Protein backbone atom coordinates (compact mmCIF):
# COMPACT_ATOMS: atom_id res chain seq x y z
CA MET A 1 -31.12 -119.67 -26.68
CA SER A 2 -34.62 -119.35 -28.20
CA MET A 3 -35.85 -118.44 -31.60
CA SER A 4 -39.55 -118.35 -30.80
CA THR A 5 -40.26 -120.55 -33.93
CA LYS A 6 -43.70 -121.20 -32.64
CA ASN A 7 -44.65 -117.51 -33.22
CA SER A 8 -47.25 -117.71 -36.04
CA LYS A 9 -47.48 -113.98 -36.62
CA ALA A 10 -46.02 -112.64 -39.96
CA LEU A 11 -43.23 -110.09 -39.70
CA HIS A 12 -45.19 -107.27 -40.73
CA GLU A 13 -47.61 -107.94 -37.89
CA ILE A 14 -44.94 -108.21 -35.33
CA VAL A 15 -43.37 -104.88 -36.52
CA ALA A 16 -46.75 -103.21 -36.79
CA ASN A 17 -47.61 -104.23 -33.15
CA ASN A 18 -44.18 -102.99 -31.82
CA ILE A 19 -44.46 -99.70 -33.54
CA ILE A 20 -47.91 -99.19 -32.26
CA LYS A 21 -46.75 -99.89 -28.81
CA LYS A 22 -43.85 -97.40 -29.04
CA LEU A 23 -46.16 -94.71 -30.66
CA GLU A 24 -48.59 -95.05 -27.74
CA GLN A 25 -45.56 -94.67 -25.38
CA GLY A 26 -44.59 -91.45 -27.25
CA THR A 27 -41.57 -92.81 -29.17
CA ILE A 28 -40.77 -94.37 -32.43
CA PRO A 29 -38.06 -96.98 -33.56
CA TRP A 30 -36.51 -94.69 -35.98
CA GLN A 31 -35.97 -91.86 -33.51
CA MET A 32 -32.43 -90.82 -34.43
CA PRO A 33 -30.50 -88.06 -32.76
CA TRP A 34 -29.01 -85.07 -34.56
CA ASN A 35 -25.47 -85.72 -33.24
CA SER A 36 -23.85 -87.91 -35.79
CA ASN A 37 -21.08 -89.07 -33.51
CA GLY A 38 -22.95 -91.83 -31.61
CA LEU A 39 -23.59 -95.39 -32.21
CA SER A 40 -27.35 -94.79 -32.55
CA LEU A 41 -26.98 -93.17 -35.92
CA ILE A 42 -25.54 -96.39 -37.44
CA LEU A 43 -28.44 -98.42 -38.82
CA PRO A 44 -28.56 -102.24 -38.50
CA TYR A 45 -26.12 -104.11 -40.73
CA ASN A 46 -24.95 -107.73 -41.14
CA ALA A 47 -21.68 -108.25 -39.21
CA ILE A 48 -20.23 -110.58 -41.84
CA THR A 49 -21.22 -108.99 -45.28
CA GLY A 50 -21.27 -105.48 -44.03
CA ASN A 51 -24.61 -104.78 -45.85
CA ARG A 52 -27.14 -102.61 -44.34
CA TYR A 53 -30.57 -104.38 -43.76
CA LYS A 54 -33.33 -102.95 -45.94
CA GLY A 55 -37.14 -102.32 -45.79
CA ILE A 56 -39.10 -103.85 -42.91
CA ASN A 57 -36.07 -105.56 -41.68
CA ILE A 58 -34.62 -102.20 -40.52
CA LEU A 59 -37.70 -101.51 -38.54
CA SER A 60 -37.76 -105.04 -36.99
CA LEU A 61 -34.16 -104.63 -35.84
CA LEU A 62 -34.51 -101.11 -34.60
CA CYS A 63 -37.64 -102.25 -32.56
CA SER A 64 -35.14 -104.38 -30.49
CA GLU A 65 -33.48 -101.23 -29.21
CA ARG A 66 -29.99 -102.58 -29.20
CA ASN A 67 -27.07 -100.35 -29.04
CA ASP A 68 -24.81 -102.37 -31.31
CA PRO A 69 -25.77 -101.97 -35.01
CA ARG A 70 -24.15 -105.47 -35.96
CA TRP A 71 -26.41 -108.56 -36.49
CA LEU A 72 -25.78 -112.12 -37.76
CA THR A 73 -27.40 -115.40 -37.98
CA PHE A 74 -26.52 -118.44 -35.70
CA LYS A 75 -24.55 -120.04 -38.55
CA GLN A 76 -22.62 -116.91 -39.30
CA ALA A 77 -21.74 -116.63 -35.53
CA ALA A 78 -20.56 -120.28 -35.53
CA SER A 79 -18.55 -119.79 -38.71
CA LYS A 80 -16.43 -117.19 -36.85
CA GLY A 81 -16.20 -119.24 -33.54
CA TYR A 82 -18.77 -117.07 -31.64
CA SER A 83 -21.40 -118.49 -29.45
CA ILE A 84 -24.89 -117.06 -28.39
CA LYS A 85 -25.22 -116.18 -24.93
CA LYS A 86 -27.46 -118.37 -22.86
CA GLY A 87 -31.19 -117.39 -22.83
CA GLU A 88 -30.97 -114.86 -25.68
CA LYS A 89 -33.75 -114.64 -28.14
CA ALA A 90 -33.29 -114.15 -32.00
CA THR A 91 -35.05 -111.45 -33.89
CA LEU A 92 -37.03 -112.17 -37.02
CA ILE A 93 -36.21 -110.82 -40.44
CA GLN A 94 -37.13 -111.88 -44.01
CA TYR A 95 -35.40 -111.88 -47.41
CA VAL A 96 -36.13 -112.79 -50.89
CA LYS A 97 -34.39 -116.09 -52.07
CA THR A 98 -33.63 -115.98 -55.77
CA HIS A 99 -31.32 -119.10 -55.98
CA GLU A 100 -31.17 -122.36 -54.18
CA TYR A 101 -29.07 -125.45 -54.16
CA LEU A 102 -31.09 -128.05 -56.08
CA THR A 103 -30.40 -131.85 -56.49
CA GLN A 104 -29.03 -132.49 -60.03
CA ARG A 105 -30.93 -135.20 -62.03
CA ASP A 106 -29.95 -136.86 -65.42
CA ASP A 107 -32.04 -136.83 -68.63
CA GLN A 108 -34.20 -139.62 -67.27
CA GLY A 109 -34.97 -137.66 -64.05
CA LYS A 110 -32.82 -139.81 -61.89
CA ILE A 111 -30.68 -138.20 -59.04
CA ILE A 112 -26.99 -137.88 -59.86
CA ASN A 113 -24.75 -139.14 -57.09
CA LYS A 114 -21.10 -138.76 -56.53
CA GLN A 115 -18.87 -141.87 -56.13
CA GLU A 116 -19.04 -141.71 -52.43
CA GLY A 117 -22.94 -141.84 -52.62
CA LYS A 118 -23.69 -138.23 -51.85
CA GLN A 119 -26.03 -136.33 -54.09
CA VAL A 120 -24.87 -133.72 -56.53
CA LYS A 121 -26.48 -130.24 -55.83
CA GLU A 122 -26.05 -127.17 -57.89
CA LEU A 123 -26.84 -123.53 -57.20
CA GLN A 124 -29.80 -122.66 -59.60
CA LYS A 125 -32.01 -119.62 -60.19
CA LEU A 126 -35.61 -120.04 -59.00
CA GLU A 127 -38.29 -119.45 -61.51
CA THR A 128 -40.34 -117.71 -58.78
CA PRO A 129 -38.35 -115.96 -56.04
CA LEU A 130 -39.36 -117.09 -52.56
CA VAL A 131 -39.97 -114.81 -49.52
CA THR A 132 -38.40 -116.60 -46.59
CA THR A 133 -37.48 -115.79 -42.97
CA ALA A 134 -34.33 -115.86 -40.92
CA TRP A 135 -33.35 -115.33 -37.31
CA VAL A 136 -30.56 -112.95 -36.50
CA PHE A 137 -28.79 -112.07 -33.22
CA ASN A 138 -27.32 -108.76 -32.04
CA ALA A 139 -23.65 -108.48 -31.35
CA GLU A 140 -24.63 -107.74 -27.65
CA GLN A 141 -26.03 -111.30 -27.53
CA ILE A 142 -22.95 -113.05 -28.77
CA ASN A 143 -19.90 -114.31 -26.97
CA GLY A 144 -16.49 -113.77 -28.62
CA ILE A 145 -17.23 -111.00 -30.98
CA GLN A 146 -14.93 -107.84 -30.53
CA PRO A 147 -16.61 -104.60 -29.42
CA ILE A 148 -17.40 -102.36 -32.30
CA GLN A 149 -14.94 -99.57 -33.00
CA ILE A 150 -16.40 -96.21 -34.02
CA TYR A 151 -14.03 -93.63 -35.57
CA GLU A 152 -15.25 -90.12 -34.96
CA ASN A 153 -15.10 -87.76 -37.85
CA LYS A 154 -15.84 -84.40 -36.66
CA ASN A 155 -16.00 -83.17 -40.31
CA SER A 156 -18.59 -85.68 -41.42
CA ILE A 157 -21.66 -83.77 -40.60
CA TRP A 158 -20.40 -80.78 -42.66
CA GLU A 159 -19.40 -83.06 -45.47
CA GLY A 160 -22.88 -84.45 -45.39
CA LEU A 161 -24.52 -80.97 -45.53
CA GLN A 162 -22.45 -80.21 -48.48
CA LYS A 163 -23.44 -83.39 -50.16
CA VAL A 164 -27.00 -82.68 -49.52
CA GLU A 165 -26.65 -79.24 -51.06
CA ASN A 166 -25.00 -80.69 -54.15
CA LEU A 167 -27.69 -83.38 -54.39
CA ILE A 168 -30.44 -80.67 -54.27
CA ILE A 169 -28.73 -78.82 -57.05
CA GLU A 170 -28.48 -81.92 -59.28
CA SER A 171 -32.11 -82.79 -58.69
CA LYS A 172 -33.28 -79.49 -59.95
CA ALA A 173 -36.22 -79.54 -57.40
CA ASP A 174 -38.11 -76.35 -57.29
CA ILE A 175 -37.70 -74.95 -53.81
CA SER A 176 -38.94 -71.62 -52.48
CA HIS A 177 -38.60 -69.89 -49.10
CA THR A 178 -41.35 -68.03 -47.56
CA ASN A 179 -42.22 -66.48 -44.09
CA GLU A 180 -44.67 -69.32 -43.27
CA ASP A 181 -43.71 -71.44 -40.30
CA ARG A 182 -44.11 -74.72 -42.01
CA ALA A 183 -42.58 -76.83 -44.87
CA TYR A 184 -44.49 -78.75 -47.39
CA TYR A 185 -44.61 -80.01 -50.86
CA ASN A 186 -47.44 -78.81 -53.14
CA SER A 187 -48.28 -81.52 -55.74
CA ASN A 188 -50.31 -79.02 -57.81
CA THR A 189 -47.48 -76.78 -58.58
CA ASP A 190 -44.59 -79.40 -57.87
CA LYS A 191 -42.99 -77.00 -55.57
CA ILE A 192 -41.25 -77.45 -52.16
CA ILE A 193 -42.05 -74.58 -49.85
CA LEU A 194 -39.71 -74.02 -46.88
CA PRO A 195 -39.57 -71.22 -44.14
CA GLN A 196 -36.47 -68.95 -44.30
CA ARG A 197 -33.20 -70.58 -43.29
CA ASN A 198 -32.89 -68.43 -40.23
CA GLN A 199 -36.05 -69.84 -38.91
CA PHE A 200 -34.31 -73.28 -38.37
CA ASP A 201 -32.34 -74.02 -35.20
CA SER A 202 -29.41 -75.51 -37.11
CA ALA A 203 -28.18 -76.25 -40.66
CA ASP A 204 -28.64 -79.89 -40.39
CA LYS A 205 -32.37 -79.50 -39.43
CA TYR A 206 -32.86 -77.26 -42.45
CA TYR A 207 -31.43 -79.97 -44.79
CA ALA A 208 -33.11 -82.85 -43.11
CA THR A 209 -36.42 -80.93 -43.68
CA ILE A 210 -35.58 -80.47 -47.31
CA LEU A 211 -34.91 -84.30 -47.54
CA HIS A 212 -38.17 -85.03 -46.00
CA GLU A 213 -40.09 -82.90 -48.45
CA MET A 214 -38.00 -84.30 -51.33
CA GLY A 215 -39.43 -87.65 -50.24
CA HIS A 216 -42.92 -86.22 -50.97
CA TRP A 217 -41.56 -84.67 -54.13
CA THR A 218 -40.75 -88.15 -55.50
CA SER A 219 -44.39 -88.96 -55.49
CA HIS A 220 -44.89 -86.91 -58.81
CA LYS A 221 -46.25 -88.87 -61.80
CA ASP A 222 -42.93 -88.19 -63.56
CA ARG A 223 -40.88 -89.71 -60.72
CA LEU A 224 -42.18 -92.57 -58.48
CA ASN A 225 -45.75 -91.79 -59.21
CA ARG A 226 -47.61 -92.21 -55.76
CA ASP A 227 -51.11 -90.93 -55.06
CA MET A 228 -50.98 -87.52 -53.50
CA ILE A 229 -54.62 -86.48 -53.70
CA ASN A 230 -55.25 -86.80 -49.93
CA ARG A 231 -56.47 -84.29 -47.16
CA PHE A 232 -54.86 -83.93 -43.79
CA GLY A 233 -56.22 -86.52 -41.39
CA THR A 234 -57.08 -89.14 -44.01
CA ASP A 235 -55.46 -92.61 -44.27
CA GLY A 236 -53.82 -91.62 -47.47
CA TYR A 237 -52.19 -88.67 -45.86
CA ALA A 238 -50.88 -90.69 -43.05
CA ARG A 239 -49.63 -93.36 -45.46
CA GLU A 240 -47.51 -90.70 -47.41
CA GLU A 241 -46.18 -89.13 -44.23
CA LEU A 242 -45.11 -92.57 -43.01
CA ARG A 243 -43.16 -93.17 -46.24
CA ALA A 244 -41.48 -89.85 -46.14
CA GLU A 245 -40.63 -90.04 -42.48
CA ILE A 246 -38.79 -93.45 -42.77
CA ALA A 247 -37.24 -92.33 -46.07
CA SER A 248 -35.85 -89.22 -44.27
CA MET A 249 -34.54 -91.40 -41.42
CA LEU A 250 -32.52 -93.54 -43.99
CA LEU A 251 -31.45 -90.45 -45.90
CA GLY A 252 -30.22 -88.94 -42.82
CA HIS A 253 -28.21 -91.98 -41.92
CA GLU A 254 -26.84 -92.24 -45.60
CA LEU A 255 -25.67 -88.65 -45.67
CA LYS A 256 -24.74 -88.61 -42.07
CA ILE A 257 -26.72 -85.47 -41.02
CA GLY A 258 -29.18 -87.05 -38.63
CA HIS A 259 -32.89 -87.04 -38.44
CA ASP A 260 -35.42 -84.98 -36.60
CA PRO A 261 -37.73 -87.23 -34.47
CA ALA A 262 -40.11 -84.32 -33.68
CA GLN A 263 -41.34 -84.22 -37.13
CA HIS A 264 -43.68 -87.21 -36.70
CA ILE A 265 -45.68 -85.79 -33.71
CA ALA A 266 -48.55 -84.52 -35.76
CA TYR A 267 -49.19 -87.93 -37.24
CA VAL A 268 -48.86 -90.31 -34.24
CA GLU A 269 -52.63 -90.90 -33.87
CA SER A 270 -53.11 -91.44 -37.52
CA TRP A 271 -50.41 -93.92 -37.75
CA ILE A 272 -51.61 -95.89 -34.82
CA GLN A 273 -55.06 -96.29 -36.34
CA LEU A 274 -53.60 -96.99 -39.87
CA LEU A 275 -51.41 -99.94 -38.52
CA LYS A 276 -54.14 -101.22 -36.35
CA ASP A 277 -56.50 -101.39 -39.32
CA LYS A 278 -53.76 -102.38 -41.87
CA PRO A 279 -50.59 -104.06 -40.27
CA TYR A 280 -49.20 -104.74 -43.76
CA GLU A 281 -49.02 -101.05 -44.38
CA ILE A 282 -45.68 -100.98 -42.47
CA HIS A 283 -44.21 -103.35 -44.97
CA SER A 284 -45.32 -101.37 -48.02
CA ALA A 285 -44.23 -98.10 -46.45
CA ALA A 286 -40.70 -99.40 -45.67
CA ALA A 287 -40.39 -100.82 -49.20
CA ASP A 288 -41.54 -97.46 -50.67
CA ALA A 289 -39.20 -95.58 -48.42
CA GLU A 290 -36.28 -97.66 -49.83
CA LYS A 291 -37.49 -96.67 -53.43
CA ILE A 292 -37.49 -92.96 -52.34
CA VAL A 293 -33.89 -93.25 -51.02
CA ASN A 294 -32.69 -94.89 -54.13
CA TYR A 295 -34.29 -92.27 -56.32
CA ILE A 296 -32.86 -89.31 -54.38
CA MET A 297 -29.34 -90.73 -53.81
CA ALA A 298 -29.23 -91.51 -57.60
CA PHE A 299 -28.69 -87.63 -58.07
CA ASP A 300 -25.62 -87.97 -55.92
CA ILE A 301 -24.37 -90.80 -58.22
CA LYS A 302 -25.13 -88.75 -61.41
CA ARG A 303 -23.18 -85.84 -59.94
CA GLU A 304 -20.17 -88.10 -59.21
CA ILE A 305 -20.40 -89.43 -62.73
CA ASN A 306 -20.58 -86.05 -64.23
CA LEU A 307 -17.67 -84.79 -62.24
CA SER A 308 -15.59 -87.79 -63.53
CA LYS A 309 -16.56 -87.02 -67.06
CA GLU A 310 -15.64 -83.40 -66.59
CA GLU A 311 -12.14 -84.58 -65.33
CA ILE A 312 -11.87 -86.70 -68.49
CA GLU A 313 -12.74 -83.82 -70.76
CA ASN A 314 -10.29 -81.58 -68.86
CA ARG A 315 -7.51 -84.24 -69.48
CA ARG A 316 -8.37 -84.49 -73.18
CA SER A 317 -8.19 -80.71 -73.39
CA THR A 318 -4.86 -80.70 -71.65
CA ASP A 319 -3.57 -83.45 -73.99
CA LYS A 320 -4.49 -81.24 -77.12
CA LYS A 321 -2.34 -78.46 -75.65
CA THR A 322 0.69 -80.78 -75.39
CA ASP A 323 2.81 -82.53 -77.96
CA SER A 324 1.15 -85.54 -79.31
CA SER A 325 4.39 -87.24 -80.37
CA LEU A 326 8.08 -87.39 -79.65
CA ASN A 327 10.41 -85.23 -81.87
CA MET A 328 14.08 -85.74 -83.01
CA GLY A 329 16.44 -84.09 -80.62
CA ASP A 330 14.17 -84.57 -77.62
CA ILE A 331 15.99 -85.59 -74.41
CA ILE A 332 13.55 -87.09 -71.88
CA ASP A 333 14.21 -87.97 -68.16
CA TYR A 334 12.20 -90.98 -67.16
CA ASN A 335 12.58 -93.53 -64.39
CA ASN A 336 16.11 -92.19 -63.50
CA THR A 337 17.23 -92.54 -67.07
CA SER A 338 17.77 -90.02 -69.83
CA TYR A 339 16.64 -90.94 -73.35
CA LYS A 340 17.47 -89.02 -76.57
CA ILE A 341 15.45 -89.31 -79.75
CA ASN A 342 18.09 -89.47 -82.41
CA SER A 343 16.11 -90.07 -85.59
CA LEU A 344 12.56 -90.57 -87.02
CA LEU A 345 12.02 -93.76 -88.98
CA LYS A 346 9.40 -94.98 -91.12
CA LYS A 347 6.10 -96.45 -89.95
CA GLY A 348 6.07 -94.27 -86.82
CA ARG A 349 9.16 -95.61 -85.30
CA TYR A 350 12.02 -93.98 -83.58
CA LYS A 351 15.81 -94.52 -83.00
CA VAL A 352 16.43 -93.89 -79.29
CA GLU A 353 19.63 -93.57 -77.48
CA GLU A 354 19.86 -94.42 -73.67
CA LEU A 355 22.37 -91.71 -72.65
CA SER A 356 23.71 -93.42 -69.48
CA THR A 357 24.87 -96.49 -71.52
CA GLY A 358 25.19 -95.28 -75.03
CA ASN A 359 22.76 -98.08 -76.12
CA ASN A 360 20.53 -97.45 -79.10
CA PHE A 361 17.28 -99.30 -79.84
CA ILE A 362 14.14 -98.92 -82.00
CA LEU A 363 10.96 -97.67 -80.42
CA GLY A 364 7.51 -98.03 -81.84
CA LYS A 365 4.35 -96.10 -80.84
CA SER A 366 2.72 -99.35 -79.60
CA ASP A 367 5.46 -99.89 -77.15
CA GLY A 368 4.70 -99.11 -73.41
CA LEU A 369 7.85 -97.11 -73.15
CA TYR A 370 6.67 -94.84 -75.91
CA ALA A 371 3.72 -93.72 -73.93
CA SER A 372 5.74 -93.20 -70.78
CA LEU A 373 8.25 -91.09 -72.54
CA LEU A 374 5.52 -88.94 -74.11
CA SER A 375 3.98 -88.56 -70.72
CA ALA A 376 7.20 -87.60 -69.04
CA LYS A 377 7.90 -85.17 -71.86
CA ASN A 378 4.52 -83.36 -71.38
CA SER A 379 4.76 -83.77 -67.44
CA VAL A 380 1.13 -84.87 -67.53
CA LYS A 381 -0.04 -86.70 -64.49
CA ILE A 382 -1.89 -89.92 -65.38
CA ILE A 383 -5.25 -89.86 -63.57
CA ASN A 384 -7.35 -93.04 -63.09
CA ILE A 385 -10.96 -92.22 -63.09
CA ASN A 386 -13.69 -94.59 -61.77
CA LEU A 387 -16.89 -94.39 -63.68
CA ASN A 388 -18.59 -97.21 -61.65
CA PRO A 389 -22.08 -95.74 -61.03
CA MET A 390 -22.18 -97.88 -57.74
CA GLN A 391 -19.48 -95.76 -56.24
CA THR A 392 -21.47 -92.84 -54.70
CA SER A 393 -18.45 -90.88 -53.40
CA PRO A 394 -14.83 -90.36 -54.63
CA LYS A 395 -12.40 -92.78 -53.32
CA GLU A 396 -9.98 -89.81 -52.74
CA ASP A 397 -7.88 -88.72 -49.75
CA HIS A 398 -54.44 -80.12 -46.22
CA ASN A 399 -55.13 -80.21 -50.13
CA ASN A 400 -52.51 -81.82 -52.26
CA ILE A 401 -50.09 -80.44 -49.87
CA ILE A 402 -47.88 -82.67 -47.57
CA SER A 403 -46.57 -80.61 -44.79
CA ILE A 404 -44.29 -80.93 -41.80
CA LYS A 405 -45.75 -79.13 -38.66
CA ARG A 406 -42.82 -77.56 -36.90
């Protein structure tokens, strides 16, 4: 097992060099197929936490060309009883450390020790976050880990396409279709221009193209405010295309509609030169791509919240049309028991008879049974609505123009 700790190159240099090699070979690390049923569409994620890797880490791990998307550190593997296969090399990633276990000291600055002599450490927030590195291994490099299970959902791509359509509507992006054989975003008019739908080979390619152009659309000063005054062939143009390309790959994964690897062909030479001159550009591009994804996916979150609010309003409207209280003489079946409201008392209380036993009792509006009887009377199904904004889907069953050359 080797972690190549003597490698002095920064992560962005390693990734930039790997991408340059692949570009020169006619490929790219984020080449994702259209078919969403394969493993290759699943982006790298941590096998323990289940979290997808972000930013430049995605590109670093994709460069390894592993078939299994799961990764974990040596310690994480050991914690599960796994072992690293002999001779396997780890892959470098980085993360921002915001908290760290620090030794506790008393008011005089002396180290606090436990009775057994061990120092007391406490997890504390760092005043200045630290960028640090870690080494991870792919599941293919590990003994003991179970093979990954992929459950094919033949409807997922159609669900994804509908989700993109809904997202576009929510964004209110200005999209026009013309007979031009190209797609582009015009920053002067803030419009996305697309060929006619029938000019695309398939629906997923059409929507993937829209997502790519929406990546450029986020550059507007009222959105993510990126510089778009660049001509085709310039560094600035190549930089923006690199961001949109990585973002459209991430969005294609997020929405399960795939990504078109042919879109980057026109920019290969520019990207090679850009990364040779400025290796750190790949780090910046990956970070900006994540911002683009977050901005666009927020429309999906907003739509889900609005749908939930609509359900709440519908529920309130339904409640207004139903009785808001129990009435004398009501007989209500609830929980295999029949209850009769015999009389109305002061202070909003009721005298209720349990018909099966003949027992009488006093019921107040604050009692749980009151709400249950009222609900049963009106036959209103109680709906629990989740308004958590982090839940993105229901839990239920050459001038100021950025263009794709097709």
